[in-house]
C-alpha atoms as a PDB file:
ATOM      1  CA  UNK A   1     208.374 204.336  54.783  1.00  0.00           C
ATOM      2  CA  UNK A   2     207.517 200.681  54.586  1.00  0.00           C
ATOM      3  CA  UNK A   3     203.821 201.296  55.216  1.00  0.00           C
ATOM      4  CA  UNK A   4     203.528 203.008  51.840  1.00  0.00           C
ATOM      5  CA  UNK A   5     204.521 199.788  50.102  1.00  0.00           C
ATOM      6  CA  UNK A   6     201.967 197.872  52.177  1.00  0.00           C
ATOM      7  CA  UNK A   7     199.271 200.365  51.187  1.00  0.00           C
ATOM      8  CA  UNK A   8     200.212 199.951  47.528  1.00  0.00           C
ATOM      9  CA  UNK A   9     199.937 196.171  47.867  1.00  0.00           C
ATOM     10  CA  UNK A  10     196.428 196.601  49.256  1.00  0.00           C
ATOM     11  CA  UNK A  11     195.513 198.940  46.408  1.00  0.00           C
ATOM     12  CA  UNK A  12     196.759 196.437  43.845  1.00  0.00           C
ATOM     13  CA  UNK A  13     194.799 193.639  45.493  1.00  0.00           C
ATOM     14  CA  UNK A  14     191.550 195.572  45.027  1.00  0.00           C
ATOM     15  CA  UNK A  15     190.831 195.961  48.729  1.00  0.00           C
ATOM     16  CA  UNK A  16     189.512 199.341  49.849  1.00  0.00           C
ATOM     17  CA  UNK A  17     191.685 199.838  52.914  1.00  0.00           C
ATOM     18  CA  UNK A  18     194.350 198.389  55.114  1.00  0.00           C
ATOM     19  CA  UNK A  19     193.254 198.476  58.733  1.00  0.00           C
ATOM     20  CA  UNK A  20     196.777 199.267  59.953  1.00  0.00           C
ATOM     21  CA  UNK A  21     196.857 202.549  58.068  1.00  0.00           C
ATOM     22  CA  UNK A  22     193.345 203.394  59.178  1.00  0.00           C
ATOM     23  CA  UNK A  23     194.353 202.924  62.805  1.00  0.00           C
ATOM     24  CA  UNK A  24     197.459 205.060  62.402  1.00  0.00           C
ATOM     25  CA  UNK A  25     195.227 208.031  61.601  1.00  0.00           C
ATOM     26  CA  UNK A  26     193.953 207.720  65.169  1.00  0.00           C
ATOM     27  CA  UNK A  27     197.434 207.672  66.715  1.00  0.00           C
ATOM     28  CA  UNK A  28     197.706 209.362  70.121  1.00  0.00           C
ATOM     29  CA  UNK A  29     201.425 208.972  70.873  1.00  0.00           C
ATOM     30  CA  UNK A  30     204.303 211.144  69.634  1.00  0.00           C
ATOM     31  CA  UNK A  31     206.026 209.706  66.560  1.00  0.00           C
ATOM     32  CA  UNK A  32     209.157 210.792  64.713  1.00  0.00           C
ATOM     33  CA  UNK A  33     210.553 209.277  61.533  1.00  0.00           C
ATOM     34  CA  UNK A  34     213.630 209.771  59.414  1.00  0.00           C
ATOM     35  CA  UNK A  35     212.978 210.048  55.686  1.00  0.00           C
ATOM     36  CA  UNK A  36     216.176 209.584  53.708  1.00  0.00           C
ATOM     37  CA  UNK A  37     216.227 211.190  50.285  1.00  0.00           C
ATOM     38  CA  UNK A  38     218.611 208.589  48.889  1.00  0.00           C
ATOM     39  CA  UNK A  39     217.144 205.507  50.587  1.00  0.00           C
ATOM     40  CA  UNK A  40     217.740 202.504  48.361  1.00  0.00           C
ATOM     41  CA  UNK A  41     214.915 200.473  49.924  1.00  0.00           C
ATOM     42  CA  UNK A  42     212.080 202.975  50.421  1.00  0.00           C
ATOM     43  CA  UNK A  43     210.445 204.939  47.612  1.00  0.00           C
ATOM     44  CA  UNK A  44     211.062 208.607  48.412  1.00  0.00           C
ATOM     45  CA  UNK A  45     207.807 209.642  46.749  1.00  0.00           C
ATOM     46  CA  UNK A  46     205.645 207.537  49.067  1.00  0.00           C
ATOM     47  CA  UNK A  47     207.251 208.438  52.393  1.00  0.00           C
ATOM     48  CA  UNK A  48     205.668 211.910  52.786  1.00  0.00           C
ATOM     49  CA  UNK A  49     202.280 210.551  51.703  1.00  0.00           C
ATOM     50  CA  UNK A  50     202.452 207.828  54.320  1.00  0.00           C
ATOM     51  CA  UNK A  51     203.705 210.221  56.999  1.00  0.00           C
ATOM     52  CA  UNK A  52     200.629 212.386  56.470  1.00  0.00           C
ATOM     53  CA  UNK A  53     198.435 209.389  57.337  1.00  0.00           C
ATOM     54  CA  UNK A  54     199.921 209.043  60.830  1.00  0.00           C
ATOM     55  CA  UNK A  55     198.428 211.606  63.179  1.00  0.00           C
ATOM     56  CA  UNK A  56     201.140 213.460  65.054  1.00  0.00           C
ATOM     57  CA  UNK A  57     204.073 212.110  63.050  1.00  0.00           C
ATOM     58  CA  UNK A  58     207.006 214.472  62.715  1.00  0.00           C
ATOM     59  CA  UNK A  59     209.193 213.616  59.721  1.00  0.00           C
ATOM     60  CA  UNK A  60     212.843 214.578  59.438  1.00  0.00           C
ATOM     61  CA  UNK A  61     213.926 214.609  55.790  1.00  0.00           C
ATOM     62  CA  UNK A  62     217.664 214.166  55.416  1.00  0.00           C
ATOM     63  CA  UNK A  63     220.209 213.407  52.733  1.00  0.00           C
ATOM     64  CA  UNK A  64     222.947 212.701  55.282  1.00  0.00           C
ATOM     65  CA  UNK A  65     222.293 208.948  55.388  1.00  0.00           C
ATOM     66  CA  UNK A  66     220.772 206.215  53.252  1.00  0.00           C
ATOM     67  CA  UNK A  67     218.463 203.844  55.172  1.00  0.00           C
ATOM     68  CA  UNK A  68     221.018 203.055  57.889  1.00  0.00           C
ATOM     69  CA  UNK A  69     221.090 206.371  59.736  1.00  0.00           C
ATOM     70  CA  UNK A  70     220.224 205.030  63.185  1.00  0.00           C
ATOM     71  CA  UNK A  71     222.928 202.374  62.933  1.00  0.00           C
ATOM     72  CA  UNK A  72     225.524 204.589  61.254  1.00  0.00           C
ATOM     73  CA  UNK A  73     225.182 207.649  63.467  1.00  0.00           C
ATOM     74  CA  UNK A  74     223.883 207.657  67.065  1.00  0.00           C
ATOM     75  CA  UNK A  75     222.985 211.340  66.656  1.00  0.00           C
ATOM     76  CA  UNK A  76     220.141 210.293  64.335  1.00  0.00           C
ATOM     77  CA  UNK A  77     218.331 208.414  67.100  1.00  0.00           C
ATOM     78  CA  UNK A  78     219.003 211.273  69.504  1.00  0.00           C
ATOM     79  CA  UNK A  79     217.375 213.684  67.067  1.00  0.00           C
ATOM     80  CA  UNK A  80     214.354 211.434  66.508  1.00  0.00           C
ATOM     81  CA  UNK A  81     213.813 211.047  70.247  1.00  0.00           C
ATOM     82  CA  UNK A  82     214.066 214.810  70.698  1.00  0.00           C
ATOM     83  CA  UNK A  83     211.567 215.330  67.872  1.00  0.00           C
ATOM     84  CA  UNK A  84     209.117 212.883  69.423  1.00  0.00           C
ATOM     85  CA  UNK A  85     209.411 214.762  72.721  1.00  0.00           C
ATOM     86  CA  UNK A  86     208.835 218.099  70.956  1.00  0.00           C
ATOM     87  CA  UNK A  87     212.343 219.314  71.759  1.00  0.00           C
ATOM     88  CA  UNK A  88     213.626 219.596  68.196  1.00  0.00           C
END
């Protein structure tokens, strides 16, 4: 997830927190995210850590796609929407 990289940038800058991540802990809306094991742009190690910071986030870990799942396969978006609705 991109937010993990942002958090790392904040850590390297010496700041104590990034307000965006702090606010995500207070999230009140359903959230679903695809985490691709072979994503060439997002560090796989940071995605689960970041997902834990977002209250109510449901992560779907998949090796079926690499970063472009929503574009490559419409079923990916269907699954994420169903997850956000609590149907999957």
